[in-house]
Every structure is written in C-alpha cells, then in structure tokens.
Amino acid sequence: MQELHSYDCPYCGEPVEALLDLSGGDQQYIEDCQVCCRPIIFDLQTDGEDWSLDVRSENE
C-alpha cells in the first residue's frame, strides 16, 4: 500500500510530497528535497495500516 504525504522541507521550508510504501514495514532512508536538493532523513514507522513519518535534516 502506498500513501502520498505532504511535509515541509527541514532546510528550505517549502512544502513537498513523498510517496510512502507502507507495505515495507518500518523504514529509515534519505531522499533529496525536490526544491533545494538537500538530503532529508525519513523515519517511517508503520504496521501496514497506521503510520507516522518524521522528516529531519542530517544535522538534527
């Protein structure tokens, strides 16, 4: 199951979207911001239905 999620970039503050794969269980990965191209750490916690996402800069 995939979910489209909007969040604010921790660097530039611009709103961006990410497509989350909830079927893969808990995940931590890095994606570049679509606006400023800086690396964002995604920490996804999910049980396949309920989920939470924490996005942060590499310096946090």
N, C-alpha and C. Protein backbone atom coordinates (compact mmCIF):
# COMPACT_ATOMS: atom_id res chain seq x y z
N MET A 1 0.84 -1.18 0.00
CA MET A 1 0.00 0.00 0.00
C MET A 1 0.88 1.24 0.00
N GLN A 2 0.53 2.21 -0.84
CA GLN A 2 1.29 3.45 -0.91
C GLN A 2 0.42 4.62 -0.48
N GLU A 3 1.08 5.62 0.10
CA GLU A 3 0.39 6.79 0.62
C GLU A 3 1.17 8.03 0.19
N LEU A 4 0.48 9.04 -0.36
CA LEU A 4 1.11 10.30 -0.71
C LEU A 4 1.02 11.22 0.50
N HIS A 5 2.16 11.75 0.93
CA HIS A 5 2.21 12.57 2.15
C HIS A 5 2.91 13.89 1.85
N SER A 6 2.33 14.98 2.32
CA SER A 6 2.93 16.31 2.19
C SER A 6 3.66 16.67 3.48
N TYR A 7 4.80 17.33 3.35
CA TYR A 7 5.58 17.76 4.51
C TYR A 7 6.36 19.00 4.12
N ASP A 8 6.91 19.70 5.10
CA ASP A 8 7.75 20.87 4.84
C ASP A 8 9.21 20.46 4.94
N CYS A 9 10.00 20.86 3.96
CA CYS A 9 11.43 20.56 3.97
C CYS A 9 12.07 21.17 5.22
N PRO A 10 12.88 20.40 5.96
CA PRO A 10 13.52 20.94 7.16
C PRO A 10 14.62 21.96 6.85
N TYR A 11 15.02 22.07 5.58
CA TYR A 11 16.05 23.05 5.19
C TYR A 11 15.42 24.33 4.65
N CYS A 12 14.65 24.22 3.57
CA CYS A 12 14.14 25.41 2.89
C CYS A 12 12.71 25.77 3.31
N GLY A 13 12.02 24.86 4.00
CA GLY A 13 10.67 25.13 4.48
C GLY A 13 9.57 25.02 3.44
N GLU A 14 9.94 24.68 2.21
CA GLU A 14 8.94 24.56 1.15
C GLU A 14 8.12 23.29 1.32
N PRO A 15 6.82 23.34 0.98
CA PRO A 15 6.01 22.12 1.02
C PRO A 15 6.36 21.20 -0.14
N VAL A 16 6.59 19.94 0.15
CA VAL A 16 6.90 18.92 -0.86
C VAL A 16 6.11 17.65 -0.53
N GLU A 17 6.07 16.72 -1.49
CA GLU A 17 5.33 15.48 -1.30
C GLU A 17 6.26 14.29 -1.43
N ALA A 18 5.92 13.23 -0.72
CA ALA A 18 6.66 11.97 -0.81
C ALA A 18 5.66 10.83 -0.94
N LEU A 19 6.01 9.84 -1.74
CA LEU A 19 5.19 8.64 -1.87
C LEU A 19 5.76 7.60 -0.92
N LEU A 20 4.98 7.22 0.08
CA LEU A 20 5.43 6.29 1.12
C LEU A 20 4.94 4.89 0.82
N ASP A 21 5.83 3.90 0.96
CA ASP A 21 5.46 2.50 0.79
C ASP A 21 5.22 1.89 2.17
N LEU A 22 3.96 1.77 2.54
CA LEU A 22 3.60 1.28 3.87
C LEU A 22 3.72 -0.23 4.00
N SER A 23 3.86 -0.93 2.88
CA SER A 23 3.92 -2.40 2.92
C SER A 23 5.30 -2.91 3.34
N GLY A 24 6.30 -2.04 3.39
CA GLY A 24 7.66 -2.46 3.71
C GLY A 24 8.00 -2.44 5.19
N GLY A 25 7.03 -2.13 6.06
CA GLY A 25 7.33 -2.06 7.49
C GLY A 25 8.08 -0.79 7.84
N ASP A 26 8.66 -0.75 9.04
CA ASP A 26 9.42 0.41 9.49
C ASP A 26 10.63 0.61 8.58
N GLN A 27 10.89 1.88 8.24
CA GLN A 27 11.98 2.19 7.31
C GLN A 27 12.66 3.49 7.71
N GLN A 28 13.95 3.58 7.41
CA GLN A 28 14.66 4.84 7.51
C GLN A 28 15.47 4.98 6.23
N TYR A 29 15.31 6.12 5.54
CA TYR A 29 16.01 6.31 4.28
C TYR A 29 16.21 7.80 4.04
N ILE A 30 17.00 8.13 3.03
CA ILE A 30 17.32 9.52 2.70
C ILE A 30 16.84 9.81 1.29
N GLU A 31 16.16 10.95 1.12
CA GLU A 31 15.76 11.45 -0.19
C GLU A 31 16.11 12.92 -0.25
N ASP A 32 16.48 13.40 -1.43
CA ASP A 32 16.78 14.81 -1.61
C ASP A 32 15.49 15.61 -1.74
N CYS A 33 15.48 16.82 -1.19
CA CYS A 33 14.35 17.73 -1.33
C CYS A 33 14.16 18.04 -2.81
N GLN A 34 12.91 18.06 -3.26
CA GLN A 34 12.60 18.34 -4.66
C GLN A 34 12.83 19.80 -5.01
N VAL A 35 12.95 20.67 -3.99
CA VAL A 35 13.13 22.10 -4.23
C VAL A 35 14.60 22.51 -4.08
N CYS A 36 15.20 22.22 -2.91
CA CYS A 36 16.57 22.70 -2.64
C CYS A 36 17.64 21.62 -2.81
N CYS A 37 17.23 20.38 -3.06
CA CYS A 37 18.14 19.25 -3.34
C CYS A 37 19.00 18.83 -2.15
N ARG A 38 18.68 19.26 -0.94
CA ARG A 38 19.45 18.83 0.23
C ARG A 38 18.88 17.52 0.76
N PRO A 39 19.71 16.68 1.39
CA PRO A 39 19.26 15.36 1.84
C PRO A 39 18.38 15.42 3.09
N ILE A 40 17.24 14.75 3.01
CA ILE A 40 16.28 14.70 4.11
C ILE A 40 16.21 13.26 4.62
N ILE A 41 16.28 13.08 5.93
CA ILE A 41 16.16 11.76 6.53
C ILE A 41 14.68 11.49 6.82
N PHE A 42 14.18 10.39 6.29
CA PHE A 42 12.81 9.96 6.52
C PHE A 42 12.85 8.79 7.50
N ASP A 43 12.05 8.88 8.56
CA ASP A 43 11.92 7.79 9.53
C ASP A 43 10.45 7.41 9.56
N LEU A 44 10.10 6.31 8.87
CA LEU A 44 8.72 5.86 8.73
C LEU A 44 8.47 4.70 9.68
N GLN A 45 7.46 4.85 10.52
CA GLN A 45 7.03 3.79 11.43
C GLN A 45 5.64 3.36 10.98
N THR A 46 5.44 2.07 10.70
CA THR A 46 4.15 1.60 10.22
C THR A 46 3.90 0.15 10.59
N ASP A 47 2.63 -0.18 10.74
CA ASP A 47 2.24 -1.57 10.92
C ASP A 47 1.45 -2.05 9.71
N GLY A 48 1.48 -1.27 8.62
CA GLY A 48 0.75 -1.61 7.41
C GLY A 48 -0.55 -0.84 7.27
N GLU A 49 -1.09 -0.36 8.39
CA GLU A 49 -2.32 0.44 8.36
C GLU A 49 -2.07 1.83 8.94
N ASP A 50 -1.73 1.89 10.21
CA ASP A 50 -1.40 3.17 10.85
C ASP A 50 0.07 3.46 10.61
N TRP A 51 0.42 4.75 10.49
CA TRP A 51 1.81 5.09 10.24
C TRP A 51 2.11 6.48 10.78
N SER A 52 3.39 6.75 10.99
CA SER A 52 3.87 8.09 11.35
C SER A 52 5.18 8.31 10.61
N LEU A 53 5.41 9.55 10.23
CA LEU A 53 6.61 9.91 9.48
C LEU A 53 7.30 11.08 10.16
N ASP A 54 8.59 10.93 10.41
CA ASP A 54 9.42 12.01 10.94
C ASP A 54 10.42 12.37 9.84
N VAL A 55 10.46 13.65 9.46
CA VAL A 55 11.45 14.11 8.48
C VAL A 55 12.37 15.09 9.17
N ARG A 56 13.67 14.97 8.91
CA ARG A 56 14.62 15.86 9.57
C ARG A 56 15.86 16.04 8.70
N SER A 57 16.62 17.06 9.02
CA SER A 57 17.88 17.30 8.32
C SER A 57 18.94 16.36 8.87
N GLU A 58 20.04 16.25 8.16
CA GLU A 58 21.13 15.38 8.61
C GLU A 58 21.78 15.91 9.89
N ASN A 59 21.62 17.18 10.18
CA ASN A 59 22.27 17.80 11.34
C ASN A 59 21.47 17.67 12.62
N GLU A 60 20.26 17.13 12.56
CA GLU A 60 19.42 17.01 13.77
C GLU A 60 19.70 15.73 14.50
